[in-house]
Amino acid sequence: MGTDFGEDLIKSLNQAVSHAKGQSRAGQVRVVTVPNVRLLRESLKMSQQKFALAFRIPLATLKGWEQGRRQPAYLSVIEKLPKEAQAALELTQR
């Protein structure tokens, strides 16, 4: 293989210690912003039931999103392209 597992392990542990001490800048942070689902749904003038049906989201899941339990990236697609998202879902039903 050409690499020594022991050396790689020590290097990795040293990097972890540096990171834990705030000394490492090697990592990358990615922030995904997700729209407020309630505001999005209301801007589309949809009830929870209608929104859930239109975008094939279980109603309980939608309610959980509105209560802040999770923030799926799928909402960003609906926010930017609501008609296209619905059209794409309709194509899969045919």
PDB file of N, CA and C in Angstrom:
ATOM      1  N   MET A   1       0.800  -1.192   0.000  1.00  0.00           N
ATOM      2  CA  MET A   1       0.000   0.000   0.000  1.00  0.00           C
ATOM      3  C   MET A   1       0.847   1.263   0.000  1.00  0.00           C
ATOM      4  N   GLY A   2       1.993   1.226   0.599  1.00  0.00           N
ATOM      5  CA  GLY A   2       2.874   2.379   0.585  1.00  0.00           C
ATOM      6  C   GLY A   2       2.720   3.316   1.770  1.00  0.00           C
ATOM      7  N   THR A   3       1.696   3.146   2.606  1.00  0.00           N
ATOM      8  CA  THR A   3       1.543   3.997   3.779  1.00  0.00           C
ATOM      9  C   THR A   3       1.585   3.140   5.025  1.00  0.00           C
ATOM     10  N   ASP A   4       2.019   3.755   6.079  1.00  0.00           N
ATOM     11  CA  ASP A   4       2.110   3.060   7.354  1.00  0.00           C
ATOM     12  C   ASP A   4       0.885   3.425   8.184  1.00  0.00           C
ATOM     13  N   PHE A   5       0.077   2.438   8.508  1.00  0.00           N
ATOM     14  CA  PHE A   5      -1.156   2.682   9.247  1.00  0.00           C
ATOM     15  C   PHE A   5      -0.879   3.397  10.566  1.00  0.00           C
ATOM     16  N   GLY A   6       0.142   2.996  11.256  1.00  0.00           N
ATOM     17  CA  GLY A   6       0.478   3.607  12.547  1.00  0.00           C
ATOM     18  C   GLY A   6       0.787   5.092  12.403  1.00  0.00           C
ATOM     19  N   GLU A   7       1.563   5.446  11.383  1.00  0.00           N
ATOM     20  CA  GLU A   7       1.900   6.866  11.159  1.00  0.00           C
ATOM     21  C   GLU A   7       0.653   7.675  10.804  1.00  0.00           C
ATOM     22  N   ASP A   8      -0.219   7.098   9.967  1.00  0.00           N
ATOM     23  CA  ASP A   8      -1.460   7.776   9.592  1.00  0.00           C
ATOM     24  C   ASP A   8      -2.363   7.982  10.814  1.00  0.00           C
ATOM     25  N   LEU A   9      -2.404   6.974  11.672  1.00  0.00           N
ATOM     26  CA  LEU A   9      -3.232   7.059  12.868  1.00  0.00           C
ATOM     27  C   LEU A   9      -2.727   8.156  13.806  1.00  0.00           C
ATOM     28  N   ILE A  10      -1.425   8.202  14.018  1.00  0.00           N
ATOM     29  CA  ILE A  10      -0.836   9.245  14.881  1.00  0.00           C
ATOM     30  C   ILE A  10      -1.089  10.629  14.292  1.00  0.00           C
ATOM     31  N   LYS A  11      -0.900  10.775  12.982  1.00  0.00           N
ATOM     32  CA  LYS A  11      -1.148  12.053  12.314  1.00  0.00           C
ATOM     33  C   LYS A  11      -2.608  12.481  12.501  1.00  0.00           C
ATOM     34  N   SER A  12      -3.529  11.544  12.314  1.00  0.00           N
ATOM     35  CA  SER A  12      -4.952  11.844  12.469  1.00  0.00           C
ATOM     36  C   SER A  12      -5.283  12.260  13.892  1.00  0.00           C
ATOM     37  N   LEU A  13      -4.710  11.566  14.865  1.00  0.00           N
ATOM     38  CA  LEU A  13      -4.961  11.914  16.265  1.00  0.00           C
ATOM     39  C   LEU A  13      -4.390  13.287  16.607  1.00  0.00           C
ATOM     40  N   ASN A  14      -3.225  13.599  16.078  1.00  0.00           N
ATOM     41  CA  ASN A  14      -2.643  14.928  16.305  1.00  0.00           C
ATOM     42  C   ASN A  14      -3.521  16.024  15.692  1.00  0.00           C
ATOM     43  N   GLN A  15      -4.073  15.745  14.510  1.00  0.00           N
ATOM     44  CA  GLN A  15      -4.982  16.703  13.883  1.00  0.00           C
ATOM     45  C   GLN A  15      -6.248  16.882  14.720  1.00  0.00           C
ATOM     46  N   ALA A  16      -6.756  15.806  15.275  1.00  0.00           N
ATOM     47  CA  ALA A  16      -7.955  15.877  16.112  1.00  0.00           C
ATOM     48  C   ALA A  16      -7.692  16.703  17.370  1.00  0.00           C
ATOM     49  N   VAL A  17      -6.529  16.513  17.969  1.00  0.00           N
ATOM     50  CA  VAL A  17      -6.170  17.285  19.168  1.00  0.00           C
ATOM     51  C   VAL A  17      -6.049  18.766  18.819  1.00  0.00           C
ATOM     52  N   SER A  18      -5.398  19.084  17.704  1.00  0.00           N
ATOM     53  CA  SER A  18      -5.265  20.482  17.269  1.00  0.00           C
ATOM     54  C   SER A  18      -6.638  21.103  17.031  1.00  0.00           C
ATOM     55  N   HIS A  19      -7.508  20.354  16.416  1.00  0.00           N
ATOM     56  CA  HIS A  19      -8.854  20.846  16.158  1.00  0.00           C
ATOM     57  C   HIS A  19      -9.595  21.098  17.466  1.00  0.00           C
ATOM     58  N   ALA A  20      -9.496  20.163  18.391  1.00  0.00           N
ATOM     59  CA  ALA A  20     -10.175  20.306  19.679  1.00  0.00           C
ATOM     60  C   ALA A  20      -9.671  21.519  20.459  1.00  0.00           C
ATOM     61  N   LYS A  21      -8.425  21.863  20.274  1.00  0.00           N
ATOM     62  CA  LYS A  21      -7.846  23.032  20.953  1.00  0.00           C
ATOM     63  C   LYS A  21      -8.106  24.328  20.192  1.00  0.00           C
ATOM     64  N   GLY A  22      -8.770  24.220  19.038  1.00  0.00           N
ATOM     65  CA  GLY A  22      -9.062  25.401  18.236  1.00  0.00           C
ATOM     66  C   GLY A  22      -7.875  25.893  17.440  1.00  0.00           C
ATOM     67  N   GLN A  23      -6.887  25.043  17.243  1.00  0.00           N
ATOM     68  CA  GLN A  23      -5.665  25.432  16.543  1.00  0.00           C
ATOM     69  C   GLN A  23      -5.685  25.076  15.060  1.00  0.00           C
ATOM     70  N   SER A  24      -6.666  24.307  14.645  1.00  0.00           N
ATOM     71  CA  SER A  24      -6.712  23.838  13.265  1.00  0.00           C
ATOM     72  C   SER A  24      -7.688  24.667  12.443  1.00  0.00           C
ATOM     73  N   ARG A  25      -7.270  25.003  11.244  1.00  0.00           N
ATOM     74  CA  ARG A  25      -8.144  25.726  10.321  1.00  0.00           C
ATOM     75  C   ARG A  25      -8.395  24.872   9.067  1.00  0.00           C
ATOM     76  N   ALA A  26      -8.057  23.603   9.131  1.00  0.00           N
ATOM     77  CA  ALA A  26      -8.126  22.736   7.957  1.00  0.00           C
ATOM     78  C   ALA A  26      -9.549  22.342   7.569  1.00  0.00           C
ATOM     79  N   GLY A  27     -10.453  22.316   8.514  1.00  0.00           N
ATOM     80  CA  GLY A  27     -11.808  21.870   8.223  1.00  0.00           C
ATOM     81  C   GLY A  27     -12.613  22.905   7.461  1.00  0.00           C
ATOM     82  N   GLN A  28     -13.646  22.443   6.791  1.00  0.00           N
ATOM     83  CA  GLN A  28     -14.543  23.325   6.063  1.00  0.00           C
ATOM     84  C   GLN A  28     -15.910  23.293   6.720  1.00  0.00           C
ATOM     85  N   VAL A  29     -16.528  24.446   6.776  1.00  0.00           N
ATOM     86  CA  VAL A  29     -17.877  24.536   7.320  1.00  0.00           C
ATOM     87  C   VAL A  29     -18.803  24.945   6.189  1.00  0.00           C
ATOM     88  N   ARG A  30     -19.850  24.197   6.017  1.00  0.00           N
ATOM     89  CA  ARG A  30     -20.844  24.527   4.998  1.00  0.00           C
ATOM     90  C   ARG A  30     -22.163  24.807   5.719  1.00  0.00           C
ATOM     91  N   VAL A  31     -22.733  25.932   5.407  1.00  0.00           N
ATOM     92  CA  VAL A  31     -23.996  26.312   6.008  1.00  0.00           C
ATOM     93  C   VAL A  31     -25.076  26.261   4.935  1.00  0.00           C
ATOM     94  N   VAL A  32     -26.090  25.494   5.196  1.00  0.00           N
ATOM     95  CA  VAL A  32     -27.209  25.392   4.272  1.00  0.00           C
ATOM     96  C   VAL A  32     -28.373  26.132   4.912  1.00  0.00           C
ATOM     97  N   THR A  33     -28.819  27.182   4.250  1.00  0.00           N
ATOM     98  CA  THR A  33     -29.954  27.921   4.782  1.00  0.00           C
ATOM     99  C   THR A  33     -31.234  27.316   4.233  1.00  0.00           C
ATOM    100  N   VAL A  34     -32.171  27.131   5.100  1.00  0.00           N
ATOM    101  CA  VAL A  34     -33.439  26.520   4.748  1.00  0.00           C
ATOM    102  C   VAL A  34     -34.539  27.522   5.070  1.00  0.00           C
ATOM    103  N   PRO A  35     -35.463  27.712   4.136  1.00  0.00           N
ATOM    104  CA  PRO A  35     -36.524  28.682   4.386  1.00  0.00           C
ATOM    105  C   PRO A  35     -37.454  28.257   5.519  1.00  0.00           C
ATOM    106  N   ASN A  36     -38.141  29.213   6.081  1.00  0.00           N
ATOM    107  CA  ASN A  36     -39.150  28.942   7.089  1.00  0.00           C
ATOM    108  C   ASN A  36     -40.338  28.300   6.384  1.00  0.00           C
ATOM    109  N   VAL A  37     -40.622  27.054   6.705  1.00  0.00           N
ATOM    110  CA  VAL A  37     -41.638  26.307   5.966  1.00  0.00           C
ATOM    111  C   VAL A  37     -43.026  26.923   6.133  1.00  0.00           C
ATOM    112  N   ARG A  38     -43.341  27.421   7.297  1.00  0.00           N
ATOM    113  CA  ARG A  38     -44.665  28.021   7.494  1.00  0.00           C
ATOM    114  C   ARG A  38     -44.829  29.264   6.617  1.00  0.00           C
ATOM    115  N   LEU A  39     -43.797  30.121   6.603  1.00  0.00           N
ATOM    116  CA  LEU A  39     -43.863  31.311   5.765  1.00  0.00           C
ATOM    117  C   LEU A  39     -43.914  30.944   4.286  1.00  0.00           C
ATOM    118  N   LEU A  40     -43.153  29.939   3.901  1.00  0.00           N
ATOM    119  CA  LEU A  40     -43.158  29.466   2.518  1.00  0.00           C
ATOM    120  C   LEU A  40     -44.543  28.967   2.137  1.00  0.00           C
ATOM    121  N   ARG A  41     -45.110  28.130   2.979  1.00  0.00           N
ATOM    122  CA  ARG A  41     -46.446  27.571   2.708  1.00  0.00           C
ATOM    123  C   ARG A  41     -47.490  28.685   2.619  1.00  0.00           C
ATOM    124  N   GLU A  42     -47.416  29.631   3.543  1.00  0.00           N
ATOM    125  CA  GLU A  42     -48.377  30.737   3.537  1.00  0.00           C
ATOM    126  C   GLU A  42     -48.190  31.636   2.316  1.00  0.00           C
ATOM    127  N   SER A  43     -46.948  31.831   1.881  1.00  0.00           N
ATOM    128  CA  SER A  43     -46.711  32.660   0.691  1.00  0.00           C
ATOM    129  C   SER A  43     -47.288  32.016  -0.567  1.00  0.00           C
ATOM    130  N   LEU A  44     -47.383  30.685  -0.555  1.00  0.00           N
ATOM    131  CA  LEU A  44     -47.992  29.963  -1.668  1.00  0.00           C
ATOM    132  C   LEU A  44     -49.510  29.833  -1.491  1.00  0.00           C
ATOM    133  N   LYS A  45     -50.011  30.426  -0.394  1.00  0.00           N
ATOM    134  CA  LYS A  45     -51.443  30.414  -0.089  1.00  0.00           C
ATOM    135  C   LYS A  45     -52.006  28.986  -0.033  1.00  0.00           C
ATOM    136  N   MET A  46     -51.280  28.151   0.711  1.00  0.00           N
ATOM    137  CA  MET A  46     -51.689  26.754   0.844  1.00  0.00           C
ATOM    138  C   MET A  46     -51.893  26.408   2.308  1.00  0.00           C
ATOM    139  N   SER A  47     -52.881  25.571   2.558  1.00  0.00           N
ATOM    140  CA  SER A  47     -53.058  25.011   3.893  1.00  0.00           C
ATOM    141  C   SER A  47     -51.978  23.950   4.096  1.00  0.00           C
ATOM    142  N   GLN A  48     -51.840  23.475   5.333  1.00  0.00           N
ATOM    143  CA  GLN A  48     -50.874  22.400   5.579  1.00  0.00           C
ATOM    144  C   GLN A  48     -51.230  21.176   4.743  1.00  0.00           C
ATOM    145  N   GLN A  49     -52.508  20.845   4.712  1.00  0.00           N
ATOM    146  CA  GLN A  49     -52.961  19.666   3.966  1.00  0.00           C
ATOM    147  C   GLN A  49     -52.649  19.808   2.476  1.00  0.00           C
ATOM    148  N   LYS A  50     -52.965  20.962   1.903  1.00  0.00           N
ATOM    149  CA  LYS A  50     -52.747  21.175   0.471  1.00  0.00           C
ATOM    150  C   LYS A  50     -51.256  21.163   0.134  1.00  0.00           C
ATOM    151  N   PHE A  51     -50.436  21.811   0.961  1.00  0.00           N
ATOM    152  CA  PHE A  51     -48.987  21.844   0.754  1.00  0.00           C
ATOM    153  C   PHE A  51     -48.420  20.430   0.824  1.00  0.00           C
ATOM    154  N   ALA A  52     -48.837  19.689   1.841  1.00  0.00           N
ATOM    155  CA  ALA A  52     -48.344  18.318   2.016  1.00  0.00           C
ATOM    156  C   ALA A  52     -48.710  17.453   0.811  1.00  0.00           C
ATOM    157  N   LEU A  53     -49.936  17.579   0.331  1.00  0.00           N
ATOM    158  CA  LEU A  53     -50.355  16.800  -0.834  1.00  0.00           C
ATOM    159  C   LEU A  53     -49.621  17.233  -2.099  1.00  0.00           C
ATOM    160  N   ALA A  54     -49.491  18.535  -2.289  1.00  0.00           N
ATOM    161  CA  ALA A  54     -48.858  19.052  -3.503  1.00  0.00           C
ATOM    162  C   ALA A  54     -47.404  18.615  -3.634  1.00  0.00           C
ATOM    163  N   PHE A  55     -46.700  18.544  -2.511  1.00  0.00           N
ATOM    164  CA  PHE A  55     -45.276  18.228  -2.562  1.00  0.00           C
ATOM    165  C   PHE A  55     -44.950  16.846  -1.983  1.00  0.00           C
ATOM    166  N   ARG A  56     -45.989  16.032  -1.832  1.00  0.00           N
ATOM    167  CA  ARG A  56     -45.829  14.647  -1.356  1.00  0.00           C
ATOM    168  C   ARG A  56     -45.044  14.557  -0.050  1.00  0.00           C
ATOM    169  N   ILE A  57     -45.455  15.349   0.883  1.00  0.00           N
ATOM    170  CA  ILE A  57     -44.827  15.358   2.200  1.00  0.00           C
ATOM    171  C   ILE A  57     -45.867  14.843   3.189  1.00  0.00           C
ATOM    172  N   PRO A  58     -45.562  13.834   3.974  1.00  0.00           N
ATOM    173  CA  PRO A  58     -46.528  13.405   4.983  1.00  0.00           C
ATOM    174  C   PRO A  58     -46.896  14.594   5.890  1.00  0.00           C
ATOM    175  N   LEU A  59     -48.167  14.712   6.194  1.00  0.00           N
ATOM    176  CA  LEU A  59     -48.639  15.841   6.988  1.00  0.00           C
ATOM    177  C   LEU A  59     -47.905  15.939   8.329  1.00  0.00           C
ATOM    178  N   ALA A  60     -47.678  14.808   8.957  1.00  0.00           N
ATOM    179  CA  ALA A  60     -46.958  14.812  10.244  1.00  0.00           C
ATOM    180  C   ALA A  60     -45.539  15.359  10.075  1.00  0.00           C
ATOM    181  N   THR A  61     -44.902  15.040   8.951  1.00  0.00           N
ATOM    182  CA  THR A  61     -43.561  15.549   8.669  1.00  0.00           C
ATOM    183  C   THR A  61     -43.596  17.061   8.502  1.00  0.00           C
ATOM    184  N   LEU A  62     -44.569  17.547   7.734  1.00  0.00           N
ATOM    185  CA  LEU A  62     -44.710  18.986   7.527  1.00  0.00           C
ATOM    186  C   LEU A  62     -44.916  19.706   8.856  1.00  0.00           C
ATOM    187  N   LYS A  63     -45.770  19.155   9.689  1.00  0.00           N
ATOM    188  CA  LYS A  63     -46.009  19.773  11.003  1.00  0.00           C
ATOM    189  C   LYS A  63     -44.720  19.796  11.822  1.00  0.00           C
ATOM    190  N   GLY A  64     -43.940  18.724  11.739  1.00  0.00           N
ATOM    191  CA  GLY A  64     -42.655  18.678  12.438  1.00  0.00           C
ATOM    192  C   GLY A  64     -41.705  19.746  11.930  1.00  0.00           C
ATOM    193  N   TRP A  65     -41.692  19.947  10.607  1.00  0.00           N
ATOM    194  CA  TRP A  65     -40.842  20.987  10.027  1.00  0.00           C
ATOM    195  C   TRP A  65     -41.278  22.348  10.538  1.00  0.00           C
ATOM    196  N   GLU A  66     -42.590  22.575  10.571  1.00  0.00           N
ATOM    197  CA  GLU A  66     -43.091  23.873  11.020  1.00  0.00           C
ATOM    198  C   GLU A  66     -42.791  24.105  12.499  1.00  0.00           C
ATOM    199  N   GLN A  67     -42.651  23.048  13.252  1.00  0.00           N
ATOM    200  CA  GLN A  67     -42.314  23.177  14.671  1.00  0.00           C
ATOM    201  C   GLN A  67     -40.803  23.218  14.893  1.00  0.00           C
ATOM    202  N   GLY A  68     -40.042  23.174  13.802  1.00  0.00           N
ATOM    203  CA  GLY A  68     -38.593  23.308  13.893  1.00  0.00           C
ATOM    204  C   GLY A  68     -37.837  22.047  14.246  1.00  0.00           C
ATOM    205  N   ARG A  69     -38.478  20.893  14.166  1.00  0.00           N
ATOM    206  CA  ARG A  69     -37.775  19.643  14.509  1.00  0.00           C
ATOM    207  C   ARG A  69     -36.694  19.307  13.503  1.00  0.00           C
ATOM    208  N   ARG A  70     -36.949  19.620  12.243  1.00  0.00           N
ATOM    209  CA  ARG A  70     -35.964  19.380  11.175  1.00  0.00           C
ATOM    210  C   ARG A  70     -36.091  20.479  10.136  1.00  0.00           C
ATOM    211  N   GLN A  71     -35.033  20.625   9.337  1.00  0.00           N
ATOM    212  CA  GLN A  71     -35.038  21.632   8.282  1.00  0.00           C
ATOM    213  C   GLN A  71     -34.432  21.036   7.010  1.00  0.00           C
ATOM    214  N   PRO A  72     -35.236  20.351   6.231  1.00  0.00           N
ATOM    215  CA  PRO A  72     -34.715  19.696   5.035  1.00  0.00           C
ATOM    216  C   PRO A  72     -34.401  20.672   3.904  1.00  0.00           C
ATOM    217  N   ALA A  73     -33.377  20.374   3.146  1.00  0.00           N
ATOM    218  CA  ALA A  73     -32.974  21.209   2.017  1.00  0.00           C
ATOM    219  C   ALA A  73     -34.037  21.211   0.915  1.00  0.00           C
ATOM    220  N   TYR A  74     -34.897  20.204   0.879  1.00  0.00           N
ATOM    221  CA  TYR A  74     -35.970  20.135  -0.112  1.00  0.00           C
ATOM    222  C   TYR A  74     -36.803  21.418  -0.106  1.00  0.00           C
ATOM    223  N   LEU A  75     -36.915  22.047   1.053  1.00  0.00           N
ATOM    224  CA  LEU A  75     -37.690  23.278   1.149  1.00  0.00           C
ATOM    225  C   LEU A  75     -37.092  24.392   0.302  1.00  0.00           C
ATOM    226  N   SER A  76     -35.793  24.400   0.135  1.00  0.00           N
ATOM    227  CA  SER A  76     -35.148  25.415  -0.700  1.00  0.00           C
ATOM    228  C   SER A  76     -35.575  25.275  -2.159  1.00  0.00           C
ATOM    229  N   VAL A  77     -35.752  24.040  -2.605  1.00  0.00           N
ATOM    230  CA  VAL A  77     -36.211  23.804  -3.974  1.00  0.00           C
ATOM    231  C   VAL A  77     -37.642  24.315  -4.118  1.00  0.00           C
ATOM    232  N   ILE A  78     -38.489  23.993  -3.157  1.00  0.00           N
ATOM    233  CA  ILE A  78     -39.876  24.437  -3.212  1.00  0.00           C
ATOM    234  C   ILE A  78     -39.945  25.965  -3.169  1.00  0.00           C
ATOM    235  N   GLU A  79     -39.093  26.579  -2.349  1.00  0.00           N
ATOM    236  CA  GLU A  79     -39.101  28.034  -2.231  1.00  0.00           C
ATOM    237  C   GLU A  79     -38.747  28.698  -3.565  1.00  0.00           C
ATOM    238  N   LYS A  80     -37.730  28.181  -4.229  1.00  0.00           N
ATOM    239  CA  LYS A  80     -37.238  28.815  -5.458  1.00  0.00           C
ATOM    240  C   LYS A  80     -38.026  28.405  -6.698  1.00  0.00           C
ATOM    241  N   LEU A  81     -38.513  27.167  -6.725  1.00  0.00           N
ATOM    242  CA  LEU A  81     -39.180  26.634  -7.925  1.00  0.00           C
ATOM    243  C   LEU A  81     -40.442  25.839  -7.554  1.00  0.00           C
ATOM    244  N   PRO A  82     -41.422  26.459  -6.920  1.00  0.00           N
ATOM    245  CA  PRO A  82     -42.581  25.683  -6.459  1.00  0.00           C
ATOM    246  C   PRO A  82     -43.369  25.019  -7.586  1.00  0.00           C
ATOM    247  N   LYS A  83     -43.605  25.720  -8.668  1.00  0.00           N
ATOM    248  CA  LYS A  83     -44.375  25.136  -9.776  1.00  0.00           C
ATOM    249  C   LYS A  83     -43.600  24.015 -10.441  1.00  0.00           C
ATOM    250  N   GLU A  84     -42.304  24.214 -10.607  1.00  0.00           N
ATOM    251  CA  GLU A  84     -41.475  23.196 -11.232  1.00  0.00           C
ATOM    252  C   GLU A  84     -41.380  21.952 -10.353  1.00  0.00           C
ATOM    253  N   ALA A  85     -41.305  22.152  -9.043  1.00  0.00           N
ATOM    254  CA  ALA A  85     -41.246  21.015  -8.119  1.00  0.00           C
ATOM    255  C   ALA A  85     -42.530  20.200  -8.210  1.00  0.00           C
ATOM    256  N   GLN A  86     -43.671  20.902  -8.224  1.00  0.00           N
ATOM    257  CA  GLN A  86     -44.945  20.196  -8.360  1.00  0.00           C
ATOM    258  C   GLN A  86     -45.033  19.468  -9.697  1.00  0.00           C
ATOM    259  N   ALA A  87     -44.615  20.124 -10.769  1.00  0.00           N
ATOM    260  CA  ALA A  87     -44.660  19.508 -12.087  1.00  0.00           C
ATOM    261  C   ALA A  87     -43.788  18.251 -12.140  1.00  0.00           C
ATOM    262  N   ALA A  88     -42.616  18.331 -11.557  1.00  0.00           N
ATOM    263  CA  ALA A  88     -41.716  17.177 -11.546  1.00  0.00           C
ATOM    264  C   ALA A  88     -42.330  16.020 -10.771  1.00  0.00           C
ATOM    265  N   LEU A  89     -42.996  16.313  -9.675  1.00  0.00           N
ATOM    266  CA  LEU A  89     -43.648  15.249  -8.899  1.00  0.00           C
ATOM    267  C   LEU A  89     -44.824  14.649  -9.668  1.00  0.00           C
ATOM    268  N   GLU A  90     -45.545  15.485 -10.392  1.00  0.00           N
ATOM    269  CA  GLU A  90     -46.667  14.992 -11.184  1.00  0.00           C
ATOM    270  C   GLU A  90     -46.196  14.051 -12.287  1.00  0.00           C
ATOM    271  N   LEU A  91     -45.031  14.332 -12.869  1.00  0.00           N
ATOM    272  CA  LEU A  91     -44.488  13.470 -13.926  1.00  0.00           C
ATOM    273  C   LEU A  91     -44.193  12.074 -13.408  1.00  0.00           C
ATOM    274  N   THR A  92     -43.807  11.966 -12.142  1.00  0.00           N
ATOM    275  CA  THR A  92     -43.467  10.649 -11.590  1.00  0.00           C
ATOM    276  C   THR A  92     -44.703   9.826 -11.287  1.00  0.00           C
ATOM    277  N   GLN A  93     -45.886  10.455 -11.283  1.00  0.00           N
ATOM    278  CA  GLN A  93     -47.127   9.715 -11.020  1.00  0.00           C
ATOM    279  C   GLN A  93     -47.676   9.067 -12.274  1.00  0.00           C
ATOM    280  N   ARG A  94     -47.215   9.494 -13.423  1.00  0.00           N
ATOM    281  CA  ARG A  94     -47.761   8.971 -14.684  1.00  0.00           C
ATOM    282  C   ARG A  94     -47.233   7.632 -15.029  1.00  0.00           C
TER     283      ARG A  94
END
